[in-house]
Amino acid sequence: MQARWSINITPIERGARIVLGLLGVVGGGILLSQADSTGAVIVELLLIVAGLDLIVTGGTGHCPLYKKLGRLPLRKGHPS
């Protein structure tokens, strides 16, 4: 049995997540190429991973953390 993910991110937030995720991946990649210490490499890899997470959650429209917290996107005419 395959469970379907429910969309729990608004369209505006999805777009913002994708844009910020792309910035994180590109920025992290640029910084990574100039890293000169182990600590810098770790921080830049974390930036890339966070960017990838934002891209995936924005692309799928599903955030596992939001699901655990019970957050649903606002709907027109319905209070949060």
C-alpha atoms as a PDB file:
ATOM      1  CA  MET A   1       0.000   0.000   0.000  1.00  0.00           C
ATOM      2  CA  GLN A   2       1.426   3.338  -1.050  1.00  0.00           C
ATOM      3  CA  ALA A   3       0.619   6.416   1.002  1.00  0.00           C
ATOM      4  CA  ARG A   4       0.099   9.679  -0.866  1.00  0.00           C
ATOM      5  CA  TRP A   5       1.573  12.881   0.428  1.00  0.00           C
ATOM      6  CA  SER A   6      -0.934  15.622   0.983  1.00  0.00           C
ATOM      7  CA  ILE A   7      -0.091  19.114  -0.180  1.00  0.00           C
ATOM      8  CA  ASN A   8       0.346  21.191   2.951  1.00  0.00           C
ATOM      9  CA  ILE A   9       2.300  24.152   1.550  1.00  0.00           C
ATOM     10  CA  THR A  10       0.638  27.126  -0.136  1.00  0.00           C
ATOM     11  CA  PRO A  11       1.549  27.906  -3.765  1.00  0.00           C
ATOM     12  CA  ILE A  12       3.352  31.124  -2.766  1.00  0.00           C
ATOM     13  CA  GLU A  13       5.393  29.301  -0.129  1.00  0.00           C
ATOM     14  CA  ARG A  14       6.197  26.546  -2.608  1.00  0.00           C
ATOM     15  CA  GLY A  15       7.621  29.076  -5.054  1.00  0.00           C
ATOM     16  CA  ALA A  16       9.596  30.812  -2.323  1.00  0.00           C
ATOM     17  CA  ARG A  17      11.032  27.498  -1.117  1.00  0.00           C
ATOM     18  CA  ILE A  18      12.180  26.586  -4.620  1.00  0.00           C
ATOM     19  CA  VAL A  19      13.823  29.982  -5.210  1.00  0.00           C
ATOM     20  CA  LEU A  20      15.535  30.028  -1.798  1.00  0.00           C
ATOM     21  CA  GLY A  21      16.583  26.396  -2.235  1.00  0.00           C
ATOM     22  CA  LEU A  22      18.193  27.146  -5.580  1.00  0.00           C
ATOM     23  CA  LEU A  23      20.005  30.117  -4.050  1.00  0.00           C
ATOM     24  CA  GLY A  24      21.243  27.896  -1.220  1.00  0.00           C
ATOM     25  CA  VAL A  25      22.511  25.181  -3.539  1.00  0.00           C
ATOM     26  CA  VAL A  26      24.217  27.593  -5.929  1.00  0.00           C
ATOM     27  CA  GLY A  27      25.613  29.757  -3.129  1.00  0.00           C
ATOM     28  CA  GLY A  28      26.833  26.739  -1.213  1.00  0.00           C
ATOM     29  CA  GLY A  29      28.463  25.347  -4.331  1.00  0.00           C
ATOM     30  CA  ILE A  30      30.273  28.603  -5.032  1.00  0.00           C
ATOM     31  CA  LEU A  31      31.436  28.903  -1.432  1.00  0.00           C
ATOM     32  CA  LEU A  32      32.428  25.231  -1.341  1.00  0.00           C
ATOM     33  CA  SER A  33      34.788  25.734  -4.260  1.00  0.00           C
ATOM     34  CA  GLN A  34      36.604  28.389  -2.207  1.00  0.00           C
ATOM     35  CA  ALA A  35      36.580  26.590   1.167  1.00  0.00           C
ATOM     36  CA  ASP A  36      39.873  26.476   2.983  1.00  0.00           C
ATOM     37  CA  SER A  37      39.002  24.677   6.218  1.00  0.00           C
ATOM     38  CA  THR A  38      37.074  21.614   7.328  1.00  0.00           C
ATOM     39  CA  GLY A  39      34.601  23.734   9.271  1.00  0.00           C
ATOM     40  CA  ALA A  40      33.853  25.858   6.213  1.00  0.00           C
ATOM     41  CA  VAL A  41      33.308  22.746   4.079  1.00  0.00           C
ATOM     42  CA  ILE A  42      30.857  21.314   6.638  1.00  0.00           C
ATOM     43  CA  VAL A  43      28.850  24.556   6.852  1.00  0.00           C
ATOM     44  CA  GLU A  44      28.710  24.877   3.078  1.00  0.00           C
ATOM     45  CA  LEU A  45      27.607  21.258   2.650  1.00  0.00           C
ATOM     46  CA  LEU A  46      24.853  21.889   5.197  1.00  0.00           C
ATOM     47  CA  LEU A  47      23.768  24.926   3.161  1.00  0.00           C
ATOM     48  CA  ILE A  48      23.565  22.765   0.040  1.00  0.00           C
ATOM     49  CA  VAL A  49      21.573  20.041   1.847  1.00  0.00           C
ATOM     50  CA  ALA A  50      19.170  22.640   3.280  1.00  0.00           C
ATOM     51  CA  GLY A  51      18.743  24.088  -0.212  1.00  0.00           C
ATOM     52  CA  LEU A  52      17.980  20.661  -1.641  1.00  0.00           C
ATOM     53  CA  ASP A  53      15.413  20.085   1.110  1.00  0.00           C
ATOM     54  CA  LEU A  54      13.694  23.375   0.248  1.00  0.00           C
ATOM     55  CA  ILE A  55      13.651  22.462  -3.450  1.00  0.00           C
ATOM     56  CA  VAL A  56      12.147  19.020  -2.780  1.00  0.00           C
ATOM     57  CA  THR A  57       9.504  20.240  -0.318  1.00  0.00           C
ATOM     58  CA  GLY A  58       8.634  23.153  -2.593  1.00  0.00           C
ATOM     59  CA  GLY A  59       8.412  20.897  -5.625  1.00  0.00           C
ATOM     60  CA  THR A  60       6.264  18.256  -3.969  1.00  0.00           C
ATOM     61  CA  GLY A  61       4.178  20.701  -1.931  1.00  0.00           C
ATOM     62  CA  HIS A  62       4.561  18.501   1.132  1.00  0.00           C
ATOM     63  CA  CYS A  63       6.512  19.331   4.280  1.00  0.00           C
ATOM     64  CA  PRO A  64       6.901  16.414   6.723  1.00  0.00           C
ATOM     65  CA  LEU A  65       7.499  18.814   9.630  1.00  0.00           C
ATOM     66  CA  TYR A  66       4.264  20.663   8.865  1.00  0.00           C
ATOM     67  CA  LYS A  67       2.453  17.309   8.841  1.00  0.00           C
ATOM     68  CA  LYS A  68       3.877  16.371  12.262  1.00  0.00           C
ATOM     69  CA  LEU A  69       2.821  19.752  13.621  1.00  0.00           C
ATOM     70  CA  GLY A  70      -0.647  19.409  12.094  1.00  0.00           C
ATOM     71  CA  ARG A  71      -0.289  22.561   9.982  1.00  0.00           C
ATOM     72  CA  LEU A  72      -2.608  22.935   7.041  1.00  0.00           C
ATOM     73  CA  PRO A  73      -2.360  25.682   4.398  1.00  0.00           C
ATOM     74  CA  LEU A  74      -4.807  28.553   4.734  1.00  0.00           C
ATOM     75  CA  ARG A  75      -7.821  28.226   2.512  1.00  0.00           C
ATOM     76  CA  LYS A  76      -9.956  31.020   1.208  1.00  0.00           C
ATOM     77  CA  GLY A  77     -12.819  31.632   3.586  1.00  0.00           C
ATOM     78  CA  HIS A  78     -11.493  29.241   6.238  1.00  0.00           C
ATOM     79  CA  PRO A  79      -9.639  30.401   9.340  1.00  0.00           C
ATOM     80  CA  SER A  80      -6.326  28.686  10.126  1.00  0.00           C
END
